Amino acid sequence: ISGFNVGIVAFLSIFFIRLLMKPFPYLLLRFNAIKVSTLGACVPVALYAFIAGMGISVVRAAIMILTFMAAVLLGRERDLYNTLALAAFIILVVFPHSLFDISFQLSFMAVAAILFITPRLARLIPKGKPEEKALSLSGKIFKSILLFIMVSLSAILGTAPLIALYFNSVSTVALLA
């Protein structure tokens, strides 16, 4: 179980809460649907973290997602670097020995690498001509696949030094796998 699973739980919770609100126009007019669905999704995310066994990557992801949701609820700017640092701080305050745990190091290194490297790699994707407002479906699919590969490559590059340190090898086929 990884942070991706926690993200899926958050996304589906927000989606279903909005879906449940849709038939009730009074609720949609009276309350901010984004904030209500975000607030409602906090409970499933926290429950999932407990059900999943509170592993380091799950706790990191849950803290990051809950912090992101708090920013949405408070109408504040969302800063992913600070969110990652807050997750590390909370985990280390509660479990200081986690700093020396390989799962802690790999989890945080992978996310930090994704946050730092992926935007730089994404700039390499051609933007297309300004007069072409809508990309074709095949163009959107290609860009999505390319971005997915870049995210994976970022995580691989970020964790490679730790993997080499702990396992004395680095996979040359990690991206293909």
C-alpha atoms as a PDB file:
ATOM      1  CA  ILE A   1       0.000   0.000   0.000  1.00  0.00           C
ATOM      2  CA  SER A   2       1.432   3.339  -0.997  1.00  0.00           C
ATOM      3  CA  GLY A   3       0.517   6.978  -1.005  1.00  0.00           C
ATOM      4  CA  PHE A   4      -1.162   6.498  -4.367  1.00  0.00           C
ATOM      5  CA  ASN A   5      -3.812   4.353  -2.689  1.00  0.00           C
ATOM      6  CA  VAL A   6      -4.504   7.088  -0.138  1.00  0.00           C
ATOM      7  CA  GLY A   7      -4.878   9.536  -3.013  1.00  0.00           C
ATOM      8  CA  ILE A   8      -7.410   7.252  -4.667  1.00  0.00           C
ATOM      9  CA  VAL A   9      -9.425   7.076  -1.435  1.00  0.00           C
ATOM     10  CA  ALA A  10      -9.389  10.890  -1.176  1.00  0.00           C
ATOM     11  CA  PHE A  11     -10.388  11.355  -4.816  1.00  0.00           C
ATOM     12  CA  LEU A  12     -13.202   8.812  -4.678  1.00  0.00           C
ATOM     13  CA  SER A  13     -14.499  10.208  -1.386  1.00  0.00           C
ATOM     14  CA  ILE A  14     -14.661  13.734  -2.783  1.00  0.00           C
ATOM     15  CA  PHE A  15     -16.264  12.439  -5.988  1.00  0.00           C
ATOM     16  CA  PHE A  16     -18.974  10.436  -4.204  1.00  0.00           C
ATOM     17  CA  ILE A  17     -19.791  13.206  -1.737  1.00  0.00           C
ATOM     18  CA  ARG A  18     -20.281  15.621  -4.632  1.00  0.00           C
ATOM     19  CA  LEU A  19     -22.349  12.994  -6.404  1.00  0.00           C
ATOM     20  CA  LEU A  20     -24.545  12.630  -3.309  1.00  0.00           C
ATOM     21  CA  MET A  21     -24.994  16.409  -3.111  1.00  0.00           C
ATOM     22  CA  LYS A  22     -25.947  16.789  -6.774  1.00  0.00           C
ATOM     23  CA  PRO A  23     -29.656  15.818  -6.464  1.00  0.00           C
ATOM     24  CA  PHE A  24     -30.158  18.409  -3.718  1.00  0.00           C
ATOM     25  CA  PRO A  25     -30.037  21.909  -5.248  1.00  0.00           C
ATOM     26  CA  TYR A  26     -30.695  23.464  -1.850  1.00  0.00           C
ATOM     27  CA  LEU A  27     -27.446  21.995  -0.503  1.00  0.00           C
ATOM     28  CA  LEU A  28     -25.524  23.127  -3.559  1.00  0.00           C
ATOM     29  CA  LEU A  29     -26.845  26.668  -3.208  1.00  0.00           C
ATOM     30  CA  ARG A  30     -26.488  26.823   0.573  1.00  0.00           C
ATOM     31  CA  PHE A  31     -23.033  25.267   0.969  1.00  0.00           C
ATOM     32  CA  ASN A  32     -19.760  25.338  -0.933  1.00  0.00           C
ATOM     33  CA  ALA A  33     -19.683  21.883  -2.581  1.00  0.00           C
ATOM     34  CA  ILE A  34     -15.891  21.893  -2.814  1.00  0.00           C
ATOM     35  CA  LYS A  35     -15.449  22.564   0.891  1.00  0.00           C
ATOM     36  CA  VAL A  36     -18.184  20.155   1.993  1.00  0.00           C
ATOM     37  CA  SER A  37     -16.817  17.311  -0.118  1.00  0.00           C
ATOM     38  CA  THR A  38     -13.258  18.055   1.002  1.00  0.00           C
ATOM     39  CA  LEU A  39     -14.269  18.089   4.659  1.00  0.00           C
ATOM     40  CA  GLY A  40     -16.250  14.868   4.229  1.00  0.00           C
ATOM     41  CA  ALA A  41     -13.291  13.156   2.552  1.00  0.00           C
ATOM     42  CA  CYS A  42     -11.041  13.728   5.578  1.00  0.00           C
ATOM     43  CA  VAL A  43     -12.721  10.925   7.529  1.00  0.00           C
ATOM     44  CA  PRO A  44     -12.268   8.184   4.887  1.00  0.00           C
ATOM     45  CA  VAL A  45      -8.625   9.207   4.364  1.00  0.00           C
ATOM     46  CA  ALA A  46      -7.883   8.979   8.097  1.00  0.00           C
ATOM     47  CA  LEU A  47      -9.788   5.695   8.414  1.00  0.00           C
ATOM     48  CA  TYR A  48      -7.942   4.225   5.444  1.00  0.00           C
ATOM     49  CA  ALA A  49      -4.593   5.117   6.991  1.00  0.00           C
ATOM     50  CA  PHE A  50      -5.579   3.203  10.139  1.00  0.00           C
ATOM     51  CA  ILE A  51      -7.001   0.245   8.200  1.00  0.00           C
ATOM     52  CA  ALA A  52      -3.863   0.082   6.029  1.00  0.00           C
ATOM     53  CA  GLY A  53      -1.688  -0.361   9.108  1.00  0.00           C
ATOM     54  CA  MET A  54      -0.173   3.125   9.440  1.00  0.00           C
ATOM     55  CA  GLY A  55       2.946   2.344   7.402  1.00  0.00           C
ATOM     56  CA  ILE A  56       5.334   5.243   6.835  1.00  0.00           C
ATOM     57  CA  SER A  57       4.308   5.846   3.215  1.00  0.00           C
ATOM     58  CA  VAL A  58       0.615   5.672   4.108  1.00  0.00           C
ATOM     59  CA  VAL A  59       1.021   8.046   7.062  1.00  0.00           C
ATOM     60  CA  ARG A  60       3.070  10.436   4.912  1.00  0.00           C
ATOM     61  CA  ALA A  61       0.441  10.425   2.199  1.00  0.00           C
ATOM     62  CA  ALA A  62      -2.437  10.796   4.665  1.00  0.00           C
ATOM     63  CA  ILE A  63      -0.770  13.757   6.385  1.00  0.00           C
ATOM     64  CA  MET A  64       0.004  15.394   3.046  1.00  0.00           C
ATOM     65  CA  ILE A  65      -3.532  14.883   1.736  1.00  0.00           C
ATOM     66  CA  LEU A  66      -5.146  16.060   4.987  1.00  0.00           C
ATOM     67  CA  THR A  67      -2.883  19.131   4.978  1.00  0.00           C
ATOM     68  CA  PHE A  68      -3.806  19.813   1.365  1.00  0.00           C
ATOM     69  CA  MET A  69      -7.488  19.448   2.268  1.00  0.00           C
ATOM     70  CA  ALA A  70      -7.040  21.828   5.222  1.00  0.00           C
ATOM     71  CA  ALA A  71      -5.542  24.386   2.828  1.00  0.00           C
ATOM     72  CA  VAL A  72      -8.571  24.013   0.543  1.00  0.00           C
ATOM     73  CA  LEU A  73     -10.953  24.395   3.490  1.00  0.00           C
ATOM     74  CA  LEU A  74      -9.156  27.486   4.786  1.00  0.00           C
ATOM     75  CA  GLY A  75      -8.797  28.991   1.312  1.00  0.00           C
ATOM     76  CA  ARG A  76      -5.019  29.034   1.626  1.00  0.00           C
ATOM     77  CA  GLU A  77      -2.327  28.463  -0.958  1.00  0.00           C
ATOM     78  CA  ARG A  78      -1.204  24.857  -1.271  1.00  0.00           C
ATOM     79  CA  ASP A  79       2.563  24.365  -1.097  1.00  0.00           C
ATOM     80  CA  LEU A  80       3.660  20.788  -1.699  1.00  0.00           C
ATOM     81  CA  TYR A  81       7.206  21.236  -0.379  1.00  0.00           C
ATOM     82  CA  ASN A  82       5.922  22.575   2.941  1.00  0.00           C
ATOM     83  CA  THR A  83       3.317  19.825   3.061  1.00  0.00           C
ATOM     84  CA  LEU A  84       6.048  17.208   2.618  1.00  0.00           C
ATOM     85  CA  ALA A  85       8.152  18.878   5.333  1.00  0.00           C
ATOM     86  CA  LEU A  86       5.161  18.967   7.689  1.00  0.00           C
ATOM     87  CA  ALA A  87       4.533  15.261   7.126  1.00  0.00           C
ATOM     88  CA  ALA A  88       8.181  14.482   7.915  1.00  0.00           C
ATOM     89  CA  PHE A  89       8.077  16.690  11.008  1.00  0.00           C
ATOM     90  CA  ILE A  90       4.916  15.067  12.392  1.00  0.00           C
ATOM     91  CA  ILE A  91       6.170  11.543  11.754  1.00  0.00           C
ATOM     92  CA  LEU A  92       9.546  12.303  13.351  1.00  0.00           C
ATOM     93  CA  VAL A  93       7.957  13.941  16.390  1.00  0.00           C
ATOM     94  CA  VAL A  94       5.758  10.899  16.981  1.00  0.00           C
ATOM     95  CA  PHE A  95       8.290   8.249  15.861  1.00  0.00           C
ATOM     96  CA  PRO A  96      11.824   9.731  15.986  1.00  0.00           C
ATOM     97  CA  HIS A  97      13.413   6.383  15.147  1.00  0.00           C
ATOM     98  CA  SER A  98      11.697   6.535  11.727  1.00  0.00           C
ATOM     99  CA  LEU A  99      14.498   8.740  10.453  1.00  0.00           C
ATOM    100  CA  PHE A 100      16.710   5.659  10.231  1.00  0.00           C
ATOM    101  CA  ASP A 101      13.997   3.488   8.655  1.00  0.00           C
ATOM    102  CA  ILE A 102      14.601   2.778   4.981  1.00  0.00           C
ATOM    103  CA  SER A 103      10.872   3.024   4.196  1.00  0.00           C
ATOM    104  CA  PHE A 104      10.822   6.571   5.625  1.00  0.00           C
ATOM    105  CA  GLN A 105      13.875   7.569   3.629  1.00  0.00           C
ATOM    106  CA  LEU A 106      12.677   6.015   0.366  1.00  0.00           C
ATOM    107  CA  SER A 107       9.141   7.374   0.718  1.00  0.00           C
ATOM    108  CA  PHE A 108      10.226  10.940   1.364  1.00  0.00           C
ATOM    109  CA  MET A 109      13.038  10.832  -1.182  1.00  0.00           C
ATOM    110  CA  ALA A 110      10.677   9.542  -3.884  1.00  0.00           C
ATOM    111  CA  VAL A 111       8.092  12.251  -3.233  1.00  0.00           C
ATOM    112  CA  ALA A 112      10.726  14.984  -2.985  1.00  0.00           C
ATOM    113  CA  ALA A 113      12.211  13.836  -6.286  1.00  0.00           C
ATOM    114  CA  ILE A 114       8.787  13.773  -7.927  1.00  0.00           C
ATOM    115  CA  LEU A 115       8.070  17.300  -6.683  1.00  0.00           C
ATOM    116  CA  PHE A 116      11.470  18.634  -7.753  1.00  0.00           C
ATOM    117  CA  ILE A 117      12.376  16.737 -10.940  1.00  0.00           C
ATOM    118  CA  THR A 118       9.020  16.161 -12.658  1.00  0.00           C
ATOM    119  CA  PRO A 119       8.225  19.858 -13.335  1.00  0.00           C
ATOM    120  CA  ARG A 120      11.654  20.274 -14.905  1.00  0.00           C
ATOM    121  CA  LEU A 121      11.179  17.220 -17.104  1.00  0.00           C
ATOM    122  CA  ALA A 122       7.628  18.296 -17.981  1.00  0.00           C
ATOM    123  CA  ARG A 123       9.009  21.484 -19.515  1.00  0.00           C
ATOM    124  CA  LEU A 124      10.546  19.245 -22.185  1.00  0.00           C
ATOM    125  CA  ILE A 125       7.087  18.224 -23.435  1.00  0.00           C
ATOM    126  CA  PRO A 126       6.286  20.292 -26.525  1.00  0.00           C
ATOM    127  CA  LYS A 127       3.397  22.688 -25.872  1.00  0.00           C
ATOM    128  CA  GLY A 128       2.051  22.805 -29.393  1.00  0.00           C
ATOM    129  CA  LYS A 129       1.101  25.825 -31.411  1.00  0.00           C
ATOM    130  CA  PRO A 130      -0.871  28.590 -29.666  1.00  0.00           C
ATOM    131  CA  GLU A 131      -3.525  28.568 -32.401  1.00  0.00           C
ATOM    132  CA  GLU A 132      -4.300  24.910 -31.665  1.00  0.00           C
ATOM    133  CA  LYS A 133      -6.621  25.371 -28.694  1.00  0.00           C
ATOM    134  CA  ALA A 134      -7.704  21.779 -28.230  1.00  0.00           C
ATOM    135  CA  LEU A 135      -5.379  18.816 -28.472  1.00  0.00           C
ATOM    136  CA  SER A 136      -6.581  15.725 -30.211  1.00  0.00           C
ATOM    137  CA  LEU A 137      -7.448  12.753 -28.017  1.00  0.00           C
ATOM    138  CA  SER A 138      -4.319  10.933 -29.150  1.00  0.00           C
ATOM    139  CA  GLY A 139      -2.214  13.999 -28.282  1.00  0.00           C
ATOM    140  CA  LYS A 140      -3.704  14.166 -24.781  1.00  0.00           C
ATOM    141  CA  ILE A 141      -3.135  10.451 -24.256  1.00  0.00           C
ATOM    142  CA  PHE A 142       0.459  10.755 -25.473  1.00  0.00           C
ATOM    143  CA  LYS A 143       1.172  13.688 -23.140  1.00  0.00           C
ATOM    144  CA  SER A 144      -0.418  11.840 -20.209  1.00  0.00           C
ATOM    145  CA  ILE A 145       1.678   8.742 -20.849  1.00  0.00           C
ATOM    146  CA  LEU A 146       4.793  10.868 -21.215  1.00  0.00           C
ATOM    147  CA  LEU A 147       4.054  12.652 -17.928  1.00  0.00           C
ATOM    148  CA  PHE A 148       3.454   9.295 -16.207  1.00  0.00           C
ATOM    149  CA  ILE A 149       6.856   8.096 -17.438  1.00  0.00           C
ATOM    150  CA  MET A 150       8.475  11.324 -16.218  1.00  0.00           C
ATOM    151  CA  VAL A 151       6.977  10.907 -12.735  1.00  0.00           C
ATOM    152  CA  SER A 152       8.270   7.341 -12.576  1.00  0.00           C
ATOM    153  CA  LEU A 153      11.684   8.421 -13.838  1.00  0.00           C
ATOM    154  CA  SER A 154      11.819  11.170 -11.205  1.00  0.00           C
ATOM    155  CA  ALA A 155      11.089   8.701  -8.402  1.00  0.00           C
ATOM    156  CA  ILE A 156      13.676   6.262  -9.774  1.00  0.00           C
ATOM    157  CA  LEU A 157      16.351   8.962 -10.032  1.00  0.00           C
ATOM    158  CA  GLY A 158      15.564  10.287  -6.572  1.00  0.00           C
ATOM    159  CA  THR A 159      15.689   6.927  -4.825  1.00  0.00           C
ATOM    160  CA  ALA A 160      18.631   5.469  -6.782  1.00  0.00           C
ATOM    161  CA  PRO A 161      21.313   6.744  -4.355  1.00  0.00           C
ATOM    162  CA  LEU A 162      19.496   5.229  -1.362  1.00  0.00           C
ATOM    163  CA  ILE A 163      18.862   1.969  -3.195  1.00  0.00           C
ATOM    164  CA  ALA A 164      22.538   1.793  -4.151  1.00  0.00           C
ATOM    165  CA  LEU A 165      23.530   2.492  -0.545  1.00  0.00           C
ATOM    166  CA  TYR A 166      21.240  -0.073   1.071  1.00  0.00           C
ATOM    167  CA  PHE A 167      21.132  -2.783  -1.600  1.00  0.00           C
ATOM    168  CA  ASN A 168      24.481  -2.278  -3.370  1.00  0.00           C
ATOM    169  CA  SER A 169      22.841  -2.214  -6.791  1.00  0.00           C
ATOM    170  CA  VAL A 170      20.619  -0.099  -8.970  1.00  0.00           C
ATOM    171  CA  SER A 171      18.139  -1.547 -11.435  1.00  0.00           C
ATOM    172  CA  THR A 172      18.794  -0.664 -15.048  1.00  0.00           C
ATOM    173  CA  VAL A 173      15.316  -1.771 -16.107  1.00  0.00           C
ATOM    174  CA  ALA A 174      13.325  -0.031 -13.359  1.00  0.00           C
ATOM    175  CA  LEU A 175      11.608   2.366 -15.759  1.00  0.00           C
ATOM    176  CA  LEU A 176      10.600  -0.432 -18.132  1.00  0.00           C
ATOM    177  CA  ALA A 177       9.422  -2.607 -15.267  1.00  0.00           C
END
